[in-house]
N, C-alpha and C. Protein backbone atom coordinates (compact mmCIF):
# COMPACT_ATOMS: atom_id res chain seq x y z
N MET A 1 28.35 -12.50 -34.20
CA MET A 1 27.71 -13.70 -34.88
C MET A 1 28.73 -14.73 -35.06
N THR A 2 28.33 -15.87 -34.69
CA THR A 2 29.23 -17.00 -34.81
C THR A 2 29.05 -17.54 -36.21
N PRO A 3 30.05 -18.42 -36.69
CA PRO A 3 29.95 -18.97 -37.98
C PRO A 3 28.71 -20.00 -38.07
N GLU A 4 28.34 -20.60 -36.94
CA GLU A 4 27.21 -21.48 -36.90
C GLU A 4 25.89 -20.68 -37.14
N LEU A 5 25.71 -19.44 -36.65
CA LEU A 5 24.59 -18.62 -36.92
C LEU A 5 24.49 -18.20 -38.38
N LYS A 6 25.68 -17.80 -38.89
CA LYS A 6 25.70 -17.54 -40.31
C LYS A 6 25.33 -18.73 -41.18
N GLN A 7 25.78 -19.85 -40.82
CA GLN A 7 25.47 -21.11 -41.54
C GLN A 7 23.96 -21.34 -41.50
N LEU A 8 23.42 -21.17 -40.21
CA LEU A 8 22.07 -21.50 -40.09
C LEU A 8 21.21 -20.60 -40.96
N ILE A 9 21.56 -19.32 -41.07
CA ILE A 9 20.77 -18.36 -41.92
C ILE A 9 21.00 -18.69 -43.37
N THR A 10 22.15 -19.04 -43.83
CA THR A 10 22.42 -19.36 -45.18
C THR A 10 21.62 -20.61 -45.64
N ILE A 11 21.59 -21.62 -44.71
CA ILE A 11 20.79 -22.77 -45.14
C ILE A 11 19.30 -22.48 -45.12
N ALA A 12 18.84 -21.70 -44.17
CA ALA A 12 17.42 -21.35 -44.12
C ALA A 12 17.08 -20.48 -45.35
N SER A 13 17.96 -19.62 -45.71
CA SER A 13 17.77 -18.81 -46.99
C SER A 13 17.49 -19.67 -48.14
N ARG A 14 18.37 -20.79 -48.30
CA ARG A 14 18.21 -21.61 -49.45
C ARG A 14 16.83 -22.42 -49.39
N GLN A 15 16.47 -22.79 -48.25
CA GLN A 15 15.16 -23.62 -48.04
C GLN A 15 14.01 -22.66 -48.29
N MET A 16 14.12 -21.37 -47.80
CA MET A 16 13.03 -20.44 -48.00
C MET A 16 12.88 -20.06 -49.45
N GLU A 17 14.01 -20.02 -50.21
CA GLU A 17 13.97 -19.65 -51.62
C GLU A 17 13.03 -20.80 -52.32
N LYS A 18 13.29 -22.08 -52.04
CA LYS A 18 12.49 -23.08 -52.60
C LYS A 18 11.00 -23.04 -52.23
N GLN A 19 10.76 -22.72 -50.97
CA GLN A 19 9.31 -22.50 -50.54
C GLN A 19 8.66 -21.31 -51.19
N PHE A 20 9.43 -20.21 -51.24
CA PHE A 20 8.92 -18.99 -51.81
C PHE A 20 8.57 -19.17 -53.28
N ALA A 21 9.52 -19.95 -54.04
CA ALA A 21 9.35 -20.17 -55.43
C ALA A 21 8.09 -21.05 -55.67
N LYS A 22 7.79 -21.96 -54.75
CA LYS A 22 6.70 -22.98 -54.93
C LYS A 22 5.39 -22.33 -54.47
N LYS A 23 5.33 -21.53 -53.39
CA LYS A 23 4.02 -21.16 -52.84
C LYS A 23 3.96 -19.59 -52.95
N GLY A 24 5.02 -18.76 -53.21
CA GLY A 24 4.85 -17.33 -53.30
C GLY A 24 4.74 -16.65 -51.96
N VAL A 25 4.94 -17.33 -50.93
CA VAL A 25 4.81 -16.71 -49.58
C VAL A 25 5.59 -17.62 -48.60
N VAL A 26 5.93 -16.93 -47.50
CA VAL A 26 6.65 -17.63 -46.45
C VAL A 26 6.00 -17.24 -45.10
N ARG A 27 5.41 -18.15 -44.43
CA ARG A 27 4.72 -17.82 -43.18
C ARG A 27 5.80 -17.65 -42.04
N PRO A 28 5.52 -16.75 -41.10
CA PRO A 28 6.45 -16.43 -39.96
C PRO A 28 6.80 -17.69 -39.28
N MET A 29 8.12 -17.94 -39.04
CA MET A 29 8.56 -19.16 -38.40
C MET A 29 9.89 -18.98 -37.65
N TRP A 30 10.14 -20.01 -36.77
CA TRP A 30 11.26 -19.92 -35.94
C TRP A 30 12.13 -21.20 -36.04
N HIS A 31 13.42 -21.10 -35.94
CA HIS A 31 14.31 -22.26 -36.00
C HIS A 31 15.17 -22.01 -34.75
N ALA A 32 15.17 -22.97 -33.77
CA ALA A 32 15.84 -22.78 -32.52
C ALA A 32 16.78 -24.07 -32.29
N VAL A 33 17.98 -23.79 -31.78
CA VAL A 33 18.92 -24.89 -31.46
C VAL A 33 19.28 -24.87 -29.98
N ALA A 34 19.00 -25.88 -29.34
CA ALA A 34 19.36 -26.06 -27.83
C ALA A 34 20.83 -26.38 -27.66
N ALA A 35 21.17 -26.20 -26.44
CA ALA A 35 22.58 -26.42 -26.05
C ALA A 35 23.08 -27.86 -26.27
N ASP A 36 22.10 -28.83 -26.24
CA ASP A 36 22.37 -30.26 -26.52
C ASP A 36 22.35 -30.62 -27.95
N GLY A 37 22.11 -29.58 -28.80
CA GLY A 37 22.09 -29.80 -30.24
C GLY A 37 20.73 -30.04 -30.89
N GLN A 38 19.71 -30.31 -29.97
CA GLN A 38 18.36 -30.59 -30.52
C GLN A 38 17.81 -29.35 -31.27
N GLU A 39 17.14 -29.56 -32.41
CA GLU A 39 16.63 -28.43 -33.14
C GLU A 39 15.10 -28.41 -33.23
N PHE A 40 14.49 -27.24 -33.18
CA PHE A 40 13.12 -27.01 -33.16
C PHE A 40 12.80 -26.03 -34.31
N VAL A 41 11.84 -26.43 -35.19
CA VAL A 41 11.35 -25.53 -36.23
C VAL A 41 9.95 -25.38 -36.05
N PHE A 42 9.38 -24.13 -35.95
CA PHE A 42 7.92 -24.11 -35.74
C PHE A 42 7.37 -22.77 -36.21
N LEU A 43 6.04 -22.73 -36.60
CA LEU A 43 5.46 -21.55 -37.02
C LEU A 43 5.28 -20.57 -35.86
N SER A 44 5.20 -19.33 -36.04
CA SER A 44 4.91 -18.42 -34.99
C SER A 44 3.76 -18.82 -34.23
N PRO A 45 3.79 -18.85 -32.87
CA PRO A 45 2.80 -19.45 -32.01
C PRO A 45 1.45 -18.66 -31.90
N CYS A 46 1.44 -17.36 -32.34
CA CYS A 46 0.28 -16.53 -32.27
C CYS A 46 0.42 -15.35 -33.13
N GLU A 47 -0.68 -14.57 -33.25
CA GLU A 47 -0.70 -13.40 -34.20
C GLU A 47 -0.07 -12.16 -33.56
N ASP A 48 -0.30 -11.85 -32.25
CA ASP A 48 0.16 -10.64 -31.57
C ASP A 48 1.69 -10.70 -31.39
N LYS A 49 2.34 -9.82 -31.95
CA LYS A 49 3.82 -9.82 -32.01
C LYS A 49 4.42 -9.90 -30.63
N ASP A 50 3.92 -9.03 -29.69
CA ASP A 50 4.60 -8.93 -28.35
C ASP A 50 4.23 -10.21 -27.65
N GLN A 51 3.13 -10.71 -27.68
CA GLN A 51 2.73 -12.03 -27.08
C GLN A 51 3.52 -13.19 -27.62
N CYS A 52 3.68 -13.14 -28.92
CA CYS A 52 4.51 -14.18 -29.59
C CYS A 52 6.02 -14.17 -29.13
N VAL A 53 6.59 -13.02 -29.02
CA VAL A 53 8.01 -12.89 -28.56
C VAL A 53 8.10 -13.33 -27.14
N ALA A 54 7.09 -12.91 -26.28
CA ALA A 54 7.18 -13.44 -24.90
C ALA A 54 7.12 -14.92 -24.85
N MET A 55 6.30 -15.54 -25.62
CA MET A 55 6.24 -17.04 -25.70
C MET A 55 7.52 -17.70 -26.04
N VAL A 56 8.16 -17.18 -27.16
CA VAL A 56 9.36 -17.66 -27.64
C VAL A 56 10.53 -17.40 -26.60
N HIS A 57 10.49 -16.17 -25.98
CA HIS A 57 11.46 -15.98 -24.93
C HIS A 57 11.42 -17.05 -23.83
N ALA A 58 10.17 -17.38 -23.44
CA ALA A 58 10.09 -18.40 -22.39
C ALA A 58 10.51 -19.76 -22.85
N PHE A 59 10.16 -20.03 -24.17
CA PHE A 59 10.62 -21.31 -24.74
C PHE A 59 12.18 -21.43 -24.71
N CYS A 60 12.84 -20.31 -25.12
CA CYS A 60 14.37 -20.30 -25.15
C CYS A 60 14.81 -20.55 -23.79
N ASP A 61 14.29 -19.99 -22.76
CA ASP A 61 14.68 -20.26 -21.35
C ASP A 61 14.46 -21.63 -20.91
N LEU A 62 13.28 -22.21 -21.25
CA LEU A 62 12.86 -23.51 -20.85
C LEU A 62 13.72 -24.59 -21.52
N ARG A 63 14.05 -24.49 -22.77
CA ARG A 63 14.71 -25.45 -23.61
C ARG A 63 16.26 -25.19 -23.66
N ASP A 64 16.79 -24.24 -22.92
CA ASP A 64 18.25 -23.83 -22.95
C ASP A 64 18.72 -23.67 -24.47
N ILE A 65 17.99 -22.74 -25.13
CA ILE A 65 18.28 -22.39 -26.54
C ILE A 65 19.49 -21.51 -26.59
N VAL A 66 20.45 -21.87 -27.46
CA VAL A 66 21.77 -21.16 -27.65
C VAL A 66 21.83 -20.43 -28.94
N ARG A 67 20.87 -20.82 -29.98
CA ARG A 67 20.87 -20.10 -31.30
C ARG A 67 19.36 -20.14 -31.74
N ILE A 68 18.97 -18.91 -32.17
CA ILE A 68 17.59 -18.85 -32.67
C ILE A 68 17.49 -17.99 -33.92
N LEU A 69 16.52 -18.34 -34.78
CA LEU A 69 16.43 -17.63 -36.07
C LEU A 69 14.90 -17.36 -36.25
N PHE A 70 14.49 -16.17 -36.53
CA PHE A 70 13.09 -15.83 -36.94
C PHE A 70 13.11 -15.54 -38.42
N ILE A 71 12.14 -16.05 -39.14
CA ILE A 71 12.01 -15.77 -40.61
C ILE A 71 10.65 -15.34 -40.88
N ALA A 72 10.54 -14.31 -41.60
CA ALA A 72 9.28 -13.68 -42.02
C ALA A 72 9.39 -12.70 -43.13
N GLU A 73 8.28 -12.52 -43.89
CA GLU A 73 8.26 -11.48 -44.81
C GLU A 73 8.07 -10.14 -44.05
N ALA A 74 8.73 -9.07 -44.39
CA ALA A 74 8.48 -7.80 -43.67
C ALA A 74 8.79 -6.62 -44.67
N TRP A 75 8.51 -5.39 -44.14
CA TRP A 75 8.76 -4.17 -44.81
C TRP A 75 9.94 -3.49 -44.17
N THR A 76 10.88 -2.99 -44.91
CA THR A 76 12.02 -2.21 -44.27
C THR A 76 12.07 -0.86 -45.00
N ALA A 77 12.81 0.05 -44.28
CA ALA A 77 13.08 1.32 -44.90
C ALA A 77 14.34 1.90 -44.33
N THR A 78 15.10 2.57 -45.19
CA THR A 78 16.27 3.27 -44.69
C THR A 78 16.29 4.57 -45.08
N ASP A 79 17.28 5.38 -44.61
CA ASP A 79 17.46 6.75 -44.98
C ASP A 79 16.09 7.53 -44.75
N LEU A 80 15.58 7.46 -43.61
CA LEU A 80 14.27 8.07 -43.30
C LEU A 80 14.53 9.59 -43.15
N LYS A 81 13.53 10.36 -43.74
CA LYS A 81 13.52 11.78 -43.57
C LYS A 81 12.86 12.21 -42.32
N PRO A 82 13.08 13.47 -41.91
CA PRO A 82 12.37 13.94 -40.56
C PRO A 82 10.90 13.68 -40.56
N GLY A 83 10.40 12.98 -39.57
CA GLY A 83 8.95 12.75 -39.45
C GLY A 83 8.60 11.43 -39.98
N GLU A 84 9.41 10.76 -40.77
CA GLU A 84 9.07 9.46 -41.42
C GLU A 84 9.12 8.29 -40.33
N LEU A 85 9.96 8.45 -39.32
CA LEU A 85 10.05 7.39 -38.31
C LEU A 85 8.77 7.38 -37.52
N GLU A 86 8.26 8.58 -37.17
CA GLU A 86 7.03 8.71 -36.39
C GLU A 86 5.88 8.17 -37.30
N ARG A 87 5.90 8.42 -38.65
CA ARG A 87 4.81 7.95 -39.47
C ARG A 87 4.82 6.49 -39.59
N ALA A 88 6.06 5.84 -39.68
CA ALA A 88 6.24 4.39 -39.83
C ALA A 88 5.74 3.78 -38.42
N ASN A 89 6.06 4.41 -37.30
CA ASN A 89 5.68 3.83 -36.00
C ASN A 89 4.16 3.91 -35.83
N GLU A 90 3.55 4.89 -36.45
CA GLU A 90 2.11 5.16 -36.30
C GLU A 90 1.28 4.32 -37.28
N HIS A 91 1.75 4.33 -38.53
CA HIS A 91 0.93 3.68 -39.64
C HIS A 91 1.55 2.56 -40.31
N GLY A 92 2.84 2.18 -39.95
CA GLY A 92 3.48 1.04 -40.56
C GLY A 92 4.53 1.48 -41.54
N VAL A 93 5.55 0.70 -41.66
CA VAL A 93 6.67 1.07 -42.68
C VAL A 93 6.15 0.90 -44.01
N GLU A 94 5.14 0.02 -44.31
CA GLU A 94 4.57 -0.09 -45.61
C GLU A 94 3.91 1.12 -46.24
N THR A 95 3.73 2.14 -45.28
CA THR A 95 3.22 3.44 -45.84
C THR A 95 4.22 4.39 -46.36
N LEU A 96 5.48 4.06 -46.16
CA LEU A 96 6.56 4.87 -46.56
C LEU A 96 6.87 4.67 -48.04
N PRO A 97 7.14 5.80 -48.85
CA PRO A 97 7.43 5.66 -50.26
C PRO A 97 8.79 4.90 -50.59
N GLN A 98 9.76 4.92 -49.68
CA GLN A 98 11.05 4.28 -49.99
C GLN A 98 11.14 2.88 -49.35
N ARG A 99 9.97 2.24 -49.01
CA ARG A 99 9.93 1.01 -48.38
C ARG A 99 10.53 -0.13 -49.28
N GLU A 100 10.85 -1.18 -48.65
CA GLU A 100 11.41 -2.37 -49.43
C GLU A 100 10.77 -3.63 -48.73
N GLU A 101 10.20 -4.49 -49.59
CA GLU A 101 9.63 -5.73 -49.12
C GLU A 101 10.73 -6.73 -49.16
N VAL A 102 10.90 -7.46 -47.97
CA VAL A 102 12.08 -8.42 -47.86
C VAL A 102 11.51 -9.70 -47.24
N LEU A 103 12.32 -10.73 -47.37
CA LEU A 103 12.24 -11.92 -46.58
C LEU A 103 13.34 -11.72 -45.47
N MET A 104 13.01 -11.61 -44.27
CA MET A 104 13.98 -11.25 -43.20
C MET A 104 14.27 -12.50 -42.37
N PHE A 105 15.57 -12.49 -41.92
CA PHE A 105 16.15 -13.51 -41.16
C PHE A 105 16.77 -12.83 -39.92
N ALA A 106 16.14 -12.93 -38.84
CA ALA A 106 16.72 -12.30 -37.53
C ALA A 106 17.19 -13.35 -36.61
N GLY A 107 18.53 -13.38 -36.51
CA GLY A 107 19.10 -14.43 -35.64
C GLY A 107 19.94 -13.94 -34.45
N GLU A 108 20.12 -14.80 -33.53
CA GLU A 108 20.75 -14.53 -32.32
C GLU A 108 21.53 -15.75 -31.73
N ASP A 109 22.69 -15.54 -31.20
CA ASP A 109 23.42 -16.60 -30.51
C ASP A 109 24.28 -15.93 -29.37
N LYS A 110 25.21 -16.62 -28.80
CA LYS A 110 25.93 -16.09 -27.76
C LYS A 110 26.88 -14.90 -28.07
N ASP A 111 27.13 -14.64 -29.28
CA ASP A 111 27.98 -13.54 -29.61
C ASP A 111 27.23 -12.29 -30.17
N GLY A 112 25.87 -12.39 -30.17
CA GLY A 112 25.08 -11.27 -30.68
C GLY A 112 24.00 -11.63 -31.55
N ASN A 113 23.62 -10.53 -32.28
CA ASN A 113 22.49 -10.83 -33.10
C ASN A 113 22.73 -10.21 -34.48
N VAL A 114 22.03 -10.68 -35.56
CA VAL A 114 22.28 -10.32 -36.85
C VAL A 114 21.01 -10.39 -37.66
N VAL A 115 20.78 -9.52 -38.61
CA VAL A 115 19.66 -9.57 -39.50
C VAL A 115 20.27 -9.81 -40.94
N ALA A 116 19.59 -10.70 -41.64
CA ALA A 116 19.90 -10.82 -43.02
C ALA A 116 18.58 -10.71 -43.81
N LYS A 117 18.62 -10.35 -45.05
CA LYS A 117 17.42 -10.12 -45.86
C LYS A 117 17.68 -10.49 -47.21
N ARG A 118 16.49 -10.79 -47.85
CA ARG A 118 16.45 -11.10 -49.29
C ARG A 118 15.37 -10.33 -49.83
N THR A 119 15.63 -9.31 -50.69
CA THR A 119 14.60 -8.52 -51.25
C THR A 119 13.56 -9.26 -52.09
N ILE A 120 12.38 -9.01 -51.88
CA ILE A 120 11.29 -9.59 -52.61
C ILE A 120 11.11 -8.86 -53.92
N ILE A 121 11.22 -9.33 -55.01
CA ILE A 121 11.19 -8.67 -56.32
C ILE A 121 9.89 -9.11 -56.94
N ARG A 122 9.00 -8.13 -57.18
CA ARG A 122 7.74 -8.45 -57.72
C ARG A 122 7.65 -7.82 -59.16
N SER A 123 7.43 -8.63 -60.12
CA SER A 123 7.27 -8.12 -61.54
C SER A 123 5.90 -7.63 -61.67
N LYS A 124 5.78 -6.32 -62.16
CA LYS A 124 4.45 -5.71 -62.26
C LYS A 124 3.83 -6.12 -63.57
N GLY A 125 2.57 -6.71 -63.54
CA GLY A 125 1.81 -6.85 -64.67
C GLY A 125 2.07 -7.90 -65.59
N ASN A 126 3.14 -8.73 -65.38
CA ASN A 126 3.46 -9.85 -66.34
C ASN A 126 2.95 -11.13 -65.91
N GLY A 127 2.37 -11.19 -64.72
CA GLY A 127 1.86 -12.54 -64.20
C GLY A 127 2.96 -13.43 -63.62
N LYS A 128 4.13 -13.00 -63.64
CA LYS A 128 5.19 -13.89 -63.11
C LYS A 128 5.12 -13.83 -61.61
N ARG A 129 5.58 -14.94 -61.03
CA ARG A 129 5.67 -14.98 -59.58
C ARG A 129 6.89 -14.08 -59.05
N ALA A 130 6.76 -13.69 -57.82
CA ALA A 130 7.90 -12.84 -57.26
C ALA A 130 9.15 -13.81 -57.02
N THR A 131 10.22 -13.15 -57.00
CA THR A 131 11.51 -13.89 -56.72
C THR A 131 12.22 -13.18 -55.60
N LEU A 132 13.30 -13.83 -55.15
CA LEU A 132 14.15 -13.25 -54.07
C LEU A 132 15.45 -12.82 -54.51
N GLY A 133 15.79 -11.66 -54.15
CA GLY A 133 17.24 -11.20 -54.43
C GLY A 133 18.19 -11.88 -53.52
N PRO A 134 19.54 -11.55 -53.70
CA PRO A 134 20.64 -12.24 -52.98
C PRO A 134 20.49 -11.99 -51.44
N LEU A 135 21.08 -12.84 -50.67
CA LEU A 135 21.08 -12.74 -49.19
C LEU A 135 22.17 -11.73 -48.79
N GLU A 136 21.68 -10.73 -47.96
CA GLU A 136 22.56 -9.65 -47.45
C GLU A 136 22.53 -9.71 -45.94
N PHE A 137 23.67 -9.59 -45.37
CA PHE A 137 23.73 -9.64 -43.90
C PHE A 137 23.95 -8.22 -43.31
N VAL A 138 23.17 -7.83 -42.15
CA VAL A 138 23.38 -6.61 -41.46
C VAL A 138 23.56 -6.96 -39.94
N GLU A 139 24.68 -6.76 -39.43
CA GLU A 139 25.07 -7.17 -38.04
C GLU A 139 24.43 -6.13 -37.02
N GLY A 140 23.82 -6.77 -35.94
CA GLY A 140 23.38 -6.07 -34.90
C GLY A 140 22.04 -5.38 -35.21
N PHE A 141 21.08 -5.47 -34.27
CA PHE A 141 19.80 -4.82 -34.51
C PHE A 141 19.10 -4.70 -33.09
N GLU A 142 18.17 -3.85 -33.06
CA GLU A 142 17.36 -3.66 -31.72
C GLU A 142 15.92 -3.86 -32.01
N GLY A 143 15.23 -4.06 -30.99
CA GLY A 143 13.81 -4.26 -31.09
C GLY A 143 13.34 -5.58 -30.51
N ARG A 144 12.06 -5.81 -30.70
CA ARG A 144 11.42 -6.92 -29.84
C ARG A 144 12.03 -8.24 -30.13
N LEU A 145 12.69 -8.46 -31.40
CA LEU A 145 13.37 -9.77 -31.67
C LEU A 145 14.76 -9.84 -31.17
N ALA A 146 15.28 -8.88 -30.53
CA ALA A 146 16.64 -8.92 -29.93
C ALA A 146 16.61 -9.47 -28.48
N ASN A 147 17.67 -10.15 -28.06
CA ASN A 147 17.79 -10.56 -26.69
C ASN A 147 16.65 -11.64 -26.29
N LEU A 148 16.55 -12.64 -27.15
CA LEU A 148 15.54 -13.67 -26.85
C LEU A 148 16.19 -14.75 -25.95
N ILE A 149 17.49 -14.88 -26.16
CA ILE A 149 18.17 -15.96 -25.38
C ILE A 149 18.57 -15.42 -23.98
N PRO A 150 17.87 -15.96 -22.99
CA PRO A 150 18.08 -15.40 -21.63
C PRO A 150 19.49 -15.66 -21.08
N SER A 151 20.08 -16.74 -21.39
CA SER A 151 21.44 -16.99 -20.97
C SER A 151 22.53 -16.02 -21.54
N ARG A 152 22.18 -15.54 -22.75
CA ARG A 152 23.02 -14.54 -23.30
C ARG A 152 23.09 -13.24 -22.41
N LEU A 153 21.96 -12.89 -21.96
CA LEU A 153 21.89 -11.74 -21.00
C LEU A 153 22.65 -11.97 -19.78
N LYS A 154 22.67 -13.12 -19.26
CA LYS A 154 23.45 -13.49 -18.10
C LYS A 154 24.87 -13.69 -18.31
N GLY A 155 25.22 -13.89 -19.62
CA GLY A 155 26.70 -14.18 -19.97
C GLY A 155 27.16 -15.59 -19.64
N THR A 156 26.13 -16.44 -19.72
CA THR A 156 26.52 -17.89 -19.34
C THR A 156 26.53 -18.87 -20.52
N VAL A 157 26.20 -18.38 -21.69
CA VAL A 157 26.17 -19.28 -22.82
C VAL A 157 27.64 -19.74 -23.13
N GLN A 158 27.92 -21.05 -23.43
CA GLN A 158 29.22 -21.48 -23.69
C GLN A 158 29.42 -21.75 -25.17
């Protein structure tokens, strides 16, 4: 992860905190930076996750994207017990007892990828709006959101 990607995530985190405080929700969105410095911020182009990732991958190739960030609310779980991974894959992570609701930032640049998260803290029964915990970084991840920048795969990003 380059310092530029970490900075992009940090800035996005501050902006999303304002939006989350105001609206209580963050819609899935992307922030892409082209090799010429042009920036693109857009909502996810479709509902189907695989189709959306395919479209964003094509966009990255067409626009010579060198840094990209996906932002969305998500469920996560760690320390899964035997059988829980299969359950999560079949029924969703939100069905697991040790799940955590987060605002996720999945970023990629020429040096690799990183996930950062902010835990969504919901106060039960007092009518207060949810808040976000501190920003936490976790380097490296796998899945449909990894390897979106085609030039990274070819090793030609400068």
